[in-house]
All heavy atoms as atom14 arrays in JSON, in Angstrom:
{
  "sequence": "ALPAFNPPDTEGQDKRAAGRFALLALAGELATEYGITGWPEGAA",
  "atom14_mask": [
    [1, 1, 1, 1, 1, 0, 0, 0, 0, 0, 0, 0, 0, 0],
    [1, 1, 1, 1, 1, 1, 1, 1, 0, 0, 0, 0, 0, 0],
    [1, 1, 1, 1, 1, 1, 1, 0, 0, 0, 0, 0, 0, 0],
    [1, 1, 1, 1, 1, 0, 0, 0, 0, 0, 0, 0, 0, 0],
    [1, 1, 1, 1, 1, 1, 1, 1, 1, 1, 1, 0, 0, 0],
    [1, 1, 1, 1, 1, 1, 1, 1, 0, 0, 0, 0, 0, 0],
    [1, 1, 1, 1, 1, 1, 1, 0, 0, 0, 0, 0, 0, 0],
    [1, 1, 1, 1, 1, 1, 1, 0, 0, 0, 0, 0, 0, 0],
    [1, 1, 1, 1, 1, 1, 1, 1, 0, 0, 0, 0, 0, 0],
    [1, 1, 1, 1, 1, 1, 1, 0, 0, 0, 0, 0, 0, 0],
    [1, 1, 1, 1, 1, 1, 1, 1, 1, 0, 0, 0, 0, 0],
    [1, 1, 1, 1, 0, 0, 0, 0, 0, 0, 0, 0, 0, 0],
    [1, 1, 1, 1, 1, 1, 1, 1, 1, 0, 0, 0, 0, 0],
    [1, 1, 1, 1, 1, 1, 1, 1, 0, 0, 0, 0, 0, 0],
    [1, 1, 1, 1, 1, 1, 1, 1, 1, 0, 0, 0, 0, 0],
    [1, 1, 1, 1, 1, 1, 1, 1, 1, 1, 1, 0, 0, 0],
    [1, 1, 1, 1, 1, 0, 0, 0, 0, 0, 0, 0, 0, 0],
    [1, 1, 1, 1, 1, 0, 0, 0, 0, 0, 0, 0, 0, 0],
    [1, 1, 1, 1, 0, 0, 0, 0, 0, 0, 0, 0, 0, 0],
    [1, 1, 1, 1, 1, 1, 1, 1, 1, 1, 1, 0, 0, 0],
    [1, 1, 1, 1, 1, 1, 1, 1, 1, 1, 1, 0, 0, 0],
    [1, 1, 1, 1, 1, 0, 0, 0, 0, 0, 0, 0, 0, 0],
    [1, 1, 1, 1, 1, 1, 1, 1, 0, 0, 0, 0, 0, 0],
    [1, 1, 1, 1, 1, 1, 1, 1, 0, 0, 0, 0, 0, 0],
    [1, 1, 1, 1, 1, 0, 0, 0, 0, 0, 0, 0, 0, 0],
    [1, 1, 1, 1, 1, 1, 1, 1, 0, 0, 0, 0, 0, 0],
    [1, 1, 1, 1, 1, 0, 0, 0, 0, 0, 0, 0, 0, 0],
    [1, 1, 1, 1, 0, 0, 0, 0, 0, 0, 0, 0, 0, 0],
    [1, 1, 1, 1, 1, 1, 1, 1, 1, 0, 0, 0, 0, 0],
    [1, 1, 1, 1, 1, 1, 1, 1, 0, 0, 0, 0, 0, 0],
    [1, 1, 1, 1, 1, 0, 0, 0, 0, 0, 0, 0, 0, 0],
    [1, 1, 1, 1, 1, 1, 1, 0, 0, 0, 0, 0, 0, 0],
    [1, 1, 1, 1, 1, 1, 1, 1, 1, 0, 0, 0, 0, 0],
    [1, 1, 1, 1, 1, 1, 1, 1, 1, 1, 1, 1, 0, 0],
    [1, 1, 1, 1, 0, 0, 0, 0, 0, 0, 0, 0, 0, 0],
    [1, 1, 1, 1, 1, 1, 1, 1, 0, 0, 0, 0, 0, 0],
    [1, 1, 1, 1, 1, 1, 1, 0, 0, 0, 0, 0, 0, 0],
    [1, 1, 1, 1, 0, 0, 0, 0, 0, 0, 0, 0, 0, 0],
    [1, 1, 1, 1, 1, 1, 1, 1, 1, 1, 1, 1, 1, 1],
    [1, 1, 1, 1, 1, 1, 1, 0, 0, 0, 0, 0, 0, 0],
    [1, 1, 1, 1, 1, 1, 1, 1, 1, 0, 0, 0, 0, 0],
    [1, 1, 1, 1, 0, 0, 0, 0, 0, 0, 0, 0, 0, 0],
    [1, 1, 1, 1, 1, 0, 0, 0, 0, 0, 0, 0, 0, 0],
    [1, 1, 1, 1, 1, 0, 0, 0, 0, 0, 0, 0, 0, 0]
  ],
  "atom14_positions": [
    [[13.23, 57.99, -62.44], [12.08, 58.84, -62.01], [11.09, 59.1, -63.14], [10.03, 59.72, -62.88], [12.67, 60.17, -61.45], [0.0, 0.0, 0.0], [0.0, 0.0, 0.0], [0.0, 0.0, 0.0], [0.0, 0.0, 0.0], [0.0, 0.0, 0.0], [0.0, 0.0, 0.0], [0.0, 0.0, 0.0], [0.0, 0.0, 0.0], [0.0, 0.0, 0.0]],
    [[11.34, 58.69, -64.35], [10.39, 58.94, -65.42], [9.04, 58.17, -65.13], [9.07, 57.1, -64.57], [11.02, 58.51, -66.74], [12.19, 59.27, -67.23], [12.78, 58.63, -68.52], [11.83, 60.71, -67.54], [0.0, 0.0, 0.0], [0.0, 0.0, 0.0], [0.0, 0.0, 0.0], [0.0, 0.0, 0.0], [0.0, 0.0, 0.0], [0.0, 0.0, 0.0]],
    [[7.96, 58.75, -65.58], [6.67, 58.11, -65.39], [6.55, 56.66, -65.91], [5.88, 55.84, -65.36], [5.71, 59.06, -66.04], [6.33, 60.37, -66.07], [7.83, 60.08, -66.25], [0.0, 0.0, 0.0], [0.0, 0.0, 0.0], [0.0, 0.0, 0.0], [0.0, 0.0, 0.0], [0.0, 0.0, 0.0], [0.0, 0.0, 0.0], [0.0, 0.0, 0.0]],
    [[7.24, 56.44, -67.05], [7.13, 55.09, -67.62], [7.62, 53.94, -66.73], [7.2, 52.81, -66.82], [7.96, 55.04, -68.93], [0.0, 0.0, 0.0], [0.0, 0.0, 0.0], [0.0, 0.0, 0.0], [0.0, 0.0, 0.0], [0.0, 0.0, 0.0], [0.0, 0.0, 0.0], [0.0, 0.0, 0.0], [0.0, 0.0, 0.0], [0.0, 0.0, 0.0]],
    [[8.57, 54.34, -65.76], [9.07, 53.35, -64.86], [8.53, 53.5, -63.45], [9.07, 52.92, -62.51], [10.63, 53.44, -64.83], [11.21, 53.42, -66.19], [11.93, 54.53, -66.67], [11.08, 52.33, -67.05], [12.52, 54.45, -67.95], [11.56, 52.27, -68.31], [12.3, 53.38, -68.73], [0.0, 0.0, 0.0], [0.0, 0.0, 0.0], [0.0, 0.0, 0.0]],
    [[7.47, 54.26, -63.31], [6.87, 54.5, -61.96], [5.37, 54.46, -62.02], [4.67, 55.43, -61.68], [7.29, 55.84, -61.43], [8.76, 55.84, -60.95], [8.97, 55.36, -59.81], [9.64, 56.33, -61.76], [0.0, 0.0, 0.0], [0.0, 0.0, 0.0], [0.0, 0.0, 0.0], [0.0, 0.0, 0.0], [0.0, 0.0, 0.0], [0.0, 0.0, 0.0]],
    [[4.77, 53.29, -62.42], [3.28, 53.19, -62.37], [2.84, 53.26, -60.89], [3.63, 53.01, -59.95], [3.03, 51.85, -62.93], [4.33, 51.07, -62.89], [5.39, 52.07, -62.96], [0.0, 0.0, 0.0], [0.0, 0.0, 0.0], [0.0, 0.0, 0.0], [0.0, 0.0, 0.0], [0.0, 0.0, 0.0], [0.0, 0.0, 0.0], [0.0, 0.0, 0.0]],
    [[1.6, 53.66, -60.63], [1.16, 53.94, -59.26], [1.14, 52.74, -58.34], [1.22, 52.9, -57.17], [-0.26, 54.53, -59.46], [-0.68, 54.0, -60.85], [0.55, 53.97, -61.67], [0.0, 0.0, 0.0], [0.0, 0.0, 0.0], [0.0, 0.0, 0.0], [0.0, 0.0, 0.0], [0.0, 0.0, 0.0], [0.0, 0.0, 0.0], [0.0, 0.0, 0.0]],
    [[1.08, 51.52, -58.82], [0.89, 50.34, -58.0], [2.08, 49.47, -57.93], [2.04, 48.27, -57.67], [-0.3, 49.49, -58.48], [-0.15, 49.12, -59.96], [0.71, 49.74, -60.63], [-0.94, 48.29, -60.44], [0.0, 0.0, 0.0], [0.0, 0.0, 0.0], [0.0, 0.0, 0.0], [0.0, 0.0, 0.0], [0.0, 0.0, 0.0], [0.0, 0.0, 0.0]],
    [[3.3, 50.09, -58.09], [4.56, 49.31, -58.06], [4.96, 48.92, -56.58], [4.67, 49.68, -55.64], [5.72, 50.06, -58.69], [5.86, 51.31, -58.06], [5.46, 50.18, -60.13], [0.0, 0.0, 0.0], [0.0, 0.0, 0.0], [0.0, 0.0, 0.0], [0.0, 0.0, 0.0], [0.0, 0.0, 0.0], [0.0, 0.0, 0.0], [0.0, 0.0, 0.0]],
    [[5.59, 47.75, -56.46], [6.12, 47.32, -55.24], [7.65, 47.17, -55.35], [8.17, 47.54, -56.38], [5.47, 46.01, -54.81], [3.98, 46.15, -54.5], [3.4, 44.85, -53.9], [4.13, 44.12, -53.28], [2.2, 44.64, -54.09], [0.0, 0.0, 0.0], [0.0, 0.0, 0.0], [0.0, 0.0, 0.0], [0.0, 0.0, 0.0], [0.0, 0.0, 0.0]],
    [[8.26, 46.6, -54.28], [9.72, 46.53, -54.27], [10.28, 45.81, -55.46], [11.3, 46.27, -56.12], [0.0, 0.0, 0.0], [0.0, 0.0, 0.0], [0.0, 0.0, 0.0], [0.0, 0.0, 0.0], [0.0, 0.0, 0.0], [0.0, 0.0, 0.0], [0.0, 0.0, 0.0], [0.0, 0.0, 0.0], [0.0, 0.0, 0.0], [0.0, 0.0, 0.0]],
    [[9.78, 44.68, -55.85], [10.31, 43.88, -56.96], [10.05, 44.63, -58.29], [10.87, 44.53, -59.22], [9.73, 42.48, -56.94], [10.23, 41.71, -55.76], [9.44, 40.39, -55.62], [8.8, 39.93, -56.54], [9.58, 39.73, -54.44], [0.0, 0.0, 0.0], [0.0, 0.0, 0.0], [0.0, 0.0, 0.0], [0.0, 0.0, 0.0], [0.0, 0.0, 0.0]],
    [[8.87, 45.24, -58.43], [8.62, 45.99, -59.62], [9.64, 47.14, -59.8], [10.05, 47.42, -60.89], [7.19, 46.61, -59.54], [6.12, 45.55, -59.54], [6.22, 44.62, -60.34], [5.14, 45.6, -58.74], [0.0, 0.0, 0.0], [0.0, 0.0, 0.0], [0.0, 0.0, 0.0], [0.0, 0.0, 0.0], [0.0, 0.0, 0.0], [0.0, 0.0, 0.0]],
    [[10.05, 47.75, -58.7], [10.92, 48.84, -58.73], [12.33, 48.41, -59.2], [13.05, 49.13, -59.88], [10.97, 49.59, -57.41], [9.66, 50.34, -57.1], [9.8, 51.06, -55.75], [8.5, 51.81, -55.46], [8.48, 52.45, -54.09], [0.0, 0.0, 0.0], [0.0, 0.0, 0.0], [0.0, 0.0, 0.0], [0.0, 0.0, 0.0], [0.0, 0.0, 0.0]],
    [[12.73, 47.22, -58.67], [14.02, 46.65, -59.14], [14.07, 46.38, -60.58], [14.99, 46.69, -61.31], [14.34, 45.39, -58.31], [14.76, 45.58, -56.9], [15.1, 44.25, -56.24], [16.27, 43.62, -56.82], [16.77, 42.48, -56.41], [16.12, 41.77, -55.52], [17.85, 41.95, -57.02], [0.0, 0.0, 0.0], [0.0, 0.0, 0.0], [0.0, 0.0, 0.0]],
    [[12.91, 45.86, -61.1], [12.86, 45.57, -62.53], [12.79, 46.89, -63.32], [13.43, 46.99, -64.35], [11.61, 44.72, -62.81], [0.0, 0.0, 0.0], [0.0, 0.0, 0.0], [0.0, 0.0, 0.0], [0.0, 0.0, 0.0], [0.0, 0.0, 0.0], [0.0, 0.0, 0.0], [0.0, 0.0, 0.0], [0.0, 0.0, 0.0], [0.0, 0.0, 0.0]],
    [[12.04, 47.85, -62.77], [11.98, 49.13, -63.48], [13.37, 49.8, -63.6], [13.66, 50.41, -64.57], [11.0, 50.1, -62.69], [0.0, 0.0, 0.0], [0.0, 0.0, 0.0], [0.0, 0.0, 0.0], [0.0, 0.0, 0.0], [0.0, 0.0, 0.0], [0.0, 0.0, 0.0], [0.0, 0.0, 0.0], [0.0, 0.0, 0.0], [0.0, 0.0, 0.0]],
    [[14.2, 49.58, -62.51], [15.53, 50.09, -62.58], [16.37, 49.51, -63.7], [17.2, 50.17, -64.27], [0.0, 0.0, 0.0], [0.0, 0.0, 0.0], [0.0, 0.0, 0.0], [0.0, 0.0, 0.0], [0.0, 0.0, 0.0], [0.0, 0.0, 0.0], [0.0, 0.0, 0.0], [0.0, 0.0, 0.0], [0.0, 0.0, 0.0], [0.0, 0.0, 0.0]],
    [[16.14, 48.24, -63.96], [16.9, 47.58, -65.01], [16.47, 48.13, -66.35], [17.32, 48.32, -67.28], [16.66, 46.11, -64.93], [17.45, 45.29, -65.95], [17.81, 43.93, -65.42], [18.7, 44.0, -64.24], [18.49, 43.36, -63.1], [17.4, 42.57, -63.0], [19.26, 43.45, -62.09], [0.0, 0.0, 0.0], [0.0, 0.0, 0.0], [0.0, 0.0, 0.0]],
    [[15.2, 48.33, -66.58], [14.72, 48.87, -67.85], [15.15, 50.35, -67.98], [15.45, 50.81, -69.11], [13.2, 48.81, -67.95], [12.72, 47.4, -68.3], [12.21, 46.54, -67.31], [12.83, 46.95, -69.62], [11.79, 45.27, -67.67], [12.41, 45.68, -69.93], [11.89, 44.8, -68.92], [0.0, 0.0, 0.0], [0.0, 0.0, 0.0], [0.0, 0.0, 0.0]],
    [[15.27, 51.09, -66.83], [15.74, 52.46, -66.92], [17.25, 52.49, -67.32], [17.65, 53.36, -68.04], [15.6, 53.1, -65.59], [0.0, 0.0, 0.0], [0.0, 0.0, 0.0], [0.0, 0.0, 0.0], [0.0, 0.0, 0.0], [0.0, 0.0, 0.0], [0.0, 0.0, 0.0], [0.0, 0.0, 0.0], [0.0, 0.0, 0.0], [0.0, 0.0, 0.0]],
    [[18.02, 51.45, -66.86], [19.4, 51.35, -67.31], [19.5, 51.15, -68.83], [20.38, 51.7, -69.53], [20.1, 50.24, -66.57], [21.53, 49.94, -66.95], [22.46, 51.07, -66.61], [22.05, 48.65, -66.35], [0.0, 0.0, 0.0], [0.0, 0.0, 0.0], [0.0, 0.0, 0.0], [0.0, 0.0, 0.0], [0.0, 0.0, 0.0], [0.0, 0.0, 0.0]],
    [[18.59, 50.32, -69.36], [18.54, 50.1, -70.83], [18.24, 51.35, -71.58], [18.78, 51.68, -72.63], [17.54, 49.0, -71.14], [17.89, 47.55, -70.59], [16.81, 46.6, -71.01], [19.19, 47.12, -71.08], [0.0, 0.0, 0.0], [0.0, 0.0, 0.0], [0.0, 0.0, 0.0], [0.0, 0.0, 0.0], [0.0, 0.0, 0.0], [0.0, 0.0, 0.0]],
    [[17.27, 52.15, -70.95], [16.94, 53.38, -71.62], [18.21, 54.32, -71.64], [18.46, 55.0, -72.65], [15.77, 54.05, -70.87], [0.0, 0.0, 0.0], [0.0, 0.0, 0.0], [0.0, 0.0, 0.0], [0.0, 0.0, 0.0], [0.0, 0.0, 0.0], [0.0, 0.0, 0.0], [0.0, 0.0, 0.0], [0.0, 0.0, 0.0], [0.0, 0.0, 0.0]],
    [[18.9, 54.4, -70.5], [20.12, 55.23, -70.44], [21.16, 54.75, -71.47], [21.72, 55.58, -72.17], [20.65, 55.17, -68.99], [22.06, 55.8, -68.78], [22.08, 57.29, -69.18], [22.52, 55.56, -67.37], [0.0, 0.0, 0.0], [0.0, 0.0, 0.0], [0.0, 0.0, 0.0], [0.0, 0.0, 0.0], [0.0, 0.0, 0.0], [0.0, 0.0, 0.0]],
    [[21.37, 53.44, -71.51], [22.39, 52.88, -72.43], [22.1, 53.2, -73.89], [22.9, 53.65, -74.67], [22.56, 51.41, -72.21], [0.0, 0.0, 0.0], [0.0, 0.0, 0.0], [0.0, 0.0, 0.0], [0.0, 0.0, 0.0], [0.0, 0.0, 0.0], [0.0, 0.0, 0.0], [0.0, 0.0, 0.0], [0.0, 0.0, 0.0], [0.0, 0.0, 0.0]],
    [[20.8, 53.03, -74.24], [20.41, 53.27, -75.58], [20.47, 54.73, -76.0], [20.87, 55.08, -77.06], [0.0, 0.0, 0.0], [0.0, 0.0, 0.0], [0.0, 0.0, 0.0], [0.0, 0.0, 0.0], [0.0, 0.0, 0.0], [0.0, 0.0, 0.0], [0.0, 0.0, 0.0], [0.0, 0.0, 0.0], [0.0, 0.0, 0.0], [0.0, 0.0, 0.0]],
    [[20.03, 55.63, -75.04], [20.05, 57.05, -75.32], [21.49, 57.57, -75.42], [21.81, 58.46, -76.19], [19.26, 57.83, -74.27], [17.78, 57.51, -74.21], [17.06, 57.89, -75.49], [17.6, 58.64, -76.31], [15.92, 57.4, -75.63], [0.0, 0.0, 0.0], [0.0, 0.0, 0.0], [0.0, 0.0, 0.0], [0.0, 0.0, 0.0], [0.0, 0.0, 0.0]],
    [[22.36, 57.01, -74.61], [23.76, 57.37, -74.58], [24.42, 56.98, -75.93], [25.18, 57.77, -76.51], [24.47, 56.68, -73.42], [25.8, 57.37, -72.96], [25.57, 58.8, -72.55], [26.35, 56.58, -71.75], [0.0, 0.0, 0.0], [0.0, 0.0, 0.0], [0.0, 0.0, 0.0], [0.0, 0.0, 0.0], [0.0, 0.0, 0.0], [0.0, 0.0, 0.0]],
    [[24.13, 55.75, -76.37], [24.65, 55.3, -77.66], [24.16, 56.2, -78.78], [24.88, 56.46, -79.78], [24.34, 53.87, -77.92], [0.0, 0.0, 0.0], [0.0, 0.0, 0.0], [0.0, 0.0, 0.0], [0.0, 0.0, 0.0], [0.0, 0.0, 0.0], [0.0, 0.0, 0.0], [0.0, 0.0, 0.0], [0.0, 0.0, 0.0], [0.0, 0.0, 0.0]],
    [[22.88, 56.67, -78.68], [22.33, 57.57, -79.72], [22.99, 58.93, -79.62], [23.42, 59.49, -80.67], [20.86, 57.73, -79.47], [20.23, 56.4, -79.64], [20.22, 58.68, -80.52], [0.0, 0.0, 0.0], [0.0, 0.0, 0.0], [0.0, 0.0, 0.0], [0.0, 0.0, 0.0], [0.0, 0.0, 0.0], [0.0, 0.0, 0.0], [0.0, 0.0, 0.0]],
    [[23.24, 59.38, -78.42], [23.92, 60.72, -78.25], [25.36, 60.71, -78.84], [25.8, 61.68, -79.39], [23.95, 61.08, -76.76], [24.72, 62.35, -76.46], [24.87, 62.58, -74.98], [23.95, 62.25, -74.18], [25.98, 63.07, -74.56], [0.0, 0.0, 0.0], [0.0, 0.0, 0.0], [0.0, 0.0, 0.0], [0.0, 0.0, 0.0], [0.0, 0.0, 0.0]],
    [[25.99, 59.56, -78.64], [27.38, 59.43, -79.14], [27.43, 59.22, -80.7], [28.53, 59.1, -81.3], [28.03, 58.16, -78.52], [28.42, 58.32, -77.06], [28.71, 57.25, -76.31], [28.39, 59.59, -76.48], [29.02, 57.33, -74.92], [28.7, 59.73, -75.12], [29.02, 58.61, -74.3], [29.28, 58.72, -73.04], [0.0, 0.0, 0.0], [0.0, 0.0, 0.0]],
    [[26.28, 59.17, -81.31], [26.22, 59.08, -82.81], [26.44, 57.66, -83.29], [26.87, 57.45, -84.48], [0.0, 0.0, 0.0], [0.0, 0.0, 0.0], [0.0, 0.0, 0.0], [0.0, 0.0, 0.0], [0.0, 0.0, 0.0], [0.0, 0.0, 0.0], [0.0, 0.0, 0.0], [0.0, 0.0, 0.0], [0.0, 0.0, 0.0], [0.0, 0.0, 0.0]],
    [[26.21, 56.64, -82.49], [26.52, 55.25, -82.89], [25.33, 54.59, -83.49], [25.44, 53.88, -84.48], [27.0, 54.5, -81.65], [28.32, 55.05, -81.12], [27.13, 53.02, -81.92], [28.78, 54.59, -79.83], [0.0, 0.0, 0.0], [0.0, 0.0, 0.0], [0.0, 0.0, 0.0], [0.0, 0.0, 0.0], [0.0, 0.0, 0.0], [0.0, 0.0, 0.0]],
    [[24.13, 54.73, -82.94], [22.98, 54.02, -83.39], [22.22, 54.69, -84.52], [21.64, 53.98, -85.31], [22.0, 53.79, -82.26], [21.48, 55.07, -81.78], [22.7, 53.08, -81.07], [0.0, 0.0, 0.0], [0.0, 0.0, 0.0], [0.0, 0.0, 0.0], [0.0, 0.0, 0.0], [0.0, 0.0, 0.0], [0.0, 0.0, 0.0], [0.0, 0.0, 0.0]],
    [[22.14, 56.03, -84.56], [21.33, 56.67, -85.54], [19.85, 56.7, -85.17], [19.06, 57.07, -86.04], [0.0, 0.0, 0.0], [0.0, 0.0, 0.0], [0.0, 0.0, 0.0], [0.0, 0.0, 0.0], [0.0, 0.0, 0.0], [0.0, 0.0, 0.0], [0.0, 0.0, 0.0], [0.0, 0.0, 0.0], [0.0, 0.0, 0.0], [0.0, 0.0, 0.0]],
    [[19.49, 56.27, -84.01], [18.06, 56.24, -83.56], [17.56, 57.7, -83.21], [18.35, 58.53, -82.86], [17.87, 55.41, -82.33], [18.21, 53.96, -82.52], [18.21, 53.23, -83.66], [18.65, 53.03, -81.46], [18.62, 51.96, -83.5], [18.92, 51.79, -82.17], [18.85, 53.14, -80.14], [19.27, 50.66, -81.45], [19.28, 51.99, -79.46], [19.52, 50.78, -80.06]],
    [[16.26, 57.89, -83.37], [15.71, 59.21, -82.92], [15.87, 59.33, -81.41], [15.85, 58.38, -80.68], [14.23, 59.1, -83.32], [14.15, 57.95, -84.27], [15.26, 57.02, -83.96], [0.0, 0.0, 0.0], [0.0, 0.0, 0.0], [0.0, 0.0, 0.0], [0.0, 0.0, 0.0], [0.0, 0.0, 0.0], [0.0, 0.0, 0.0], [0.0, 0.0, 0.0]],
    [[16.0, 60.53, -80.98], [16.12, 60.77, -79.53], [14.88, 60.29, -78.82], [13.75, 60.61, -79.27], [16.37, 62.24, -79.3], [16.56, 62.61, -77.82], [16.82, 64.11, -77.61], [17.24, 64.74, -78.56], [16.58, 64.57, -76.5], [0.0, 0.0, 0.0], [0.0, 0.0, 0.0], [0.0, 0.0, 0.0], [0.0, 0.0, 0.0], [0.0, 0.0, 0.0]],
    [[14.94, 59.57, -77.75], [13.84, 59.1, -77.01], [13.37, 57.67, -77.41], [12.5, 57.09, -76.77], [0.0, 0.0, 0.0], [0.0, 0.0, 0.0], [0.0, 0.0, 0.0], [0.0, 0.0, 0.0], [0.0, 0.0, 0.0], [0.0, 0.0, 0.0], [0.0, 0.0, 0.0], [0.0, 0.0, 0.0], [0.0, 0.0, 0.0], [0.0, 0.0, 0.0]],
    [[13.88, 57.16, -78.55], [13.48, 55.83, -79.03], [13.85, 54.77, -78.02], [13.02, 53.81, -77.73], [14.08, 55.53, -80.36], [0.0, 0.0, 0.0], [0.0, 0.0, 0.0], [0.0, 0.0, 0.0], [0.0, 0.0, 0.0], [0.0, 0.0, 0.0], [0.0, 0.0, 0.0], [0.0, 0.0, 0.0], [0.0, 0.0, 0.0], [0.0, 0.0, 0.0]],
    [[15.0, 54.8, -77.43], [15.41, 53.79, -76.43], [14.55, 53.85, -75.17], [14.2, 52.8, -74.63], [16.87, 53.96, -76.12], [0.0, 0.0, 0.0], [0.0, 0.0, 0.0], [0.0, 0.0, 0.0], [0.0, 0.0, 0.0], [0.0, 0.0, 0.0], [0.0, 0.0, 0.0], [0.0, 0.0, 0.0], [0.0, 0.0, 0.0], [0.0, 0.0, 0.0]]
  ]
}
């Protein structure tokens, strides 16, 4: 639901791709929260 993955002119295939990038964001932020990556919060 973040704005980065919901541009105004998206269609069905765009939304499927956006969901995949959202999963990457979740995975990266989770690894950061667990203290594994050392990245700043929000970098992923």
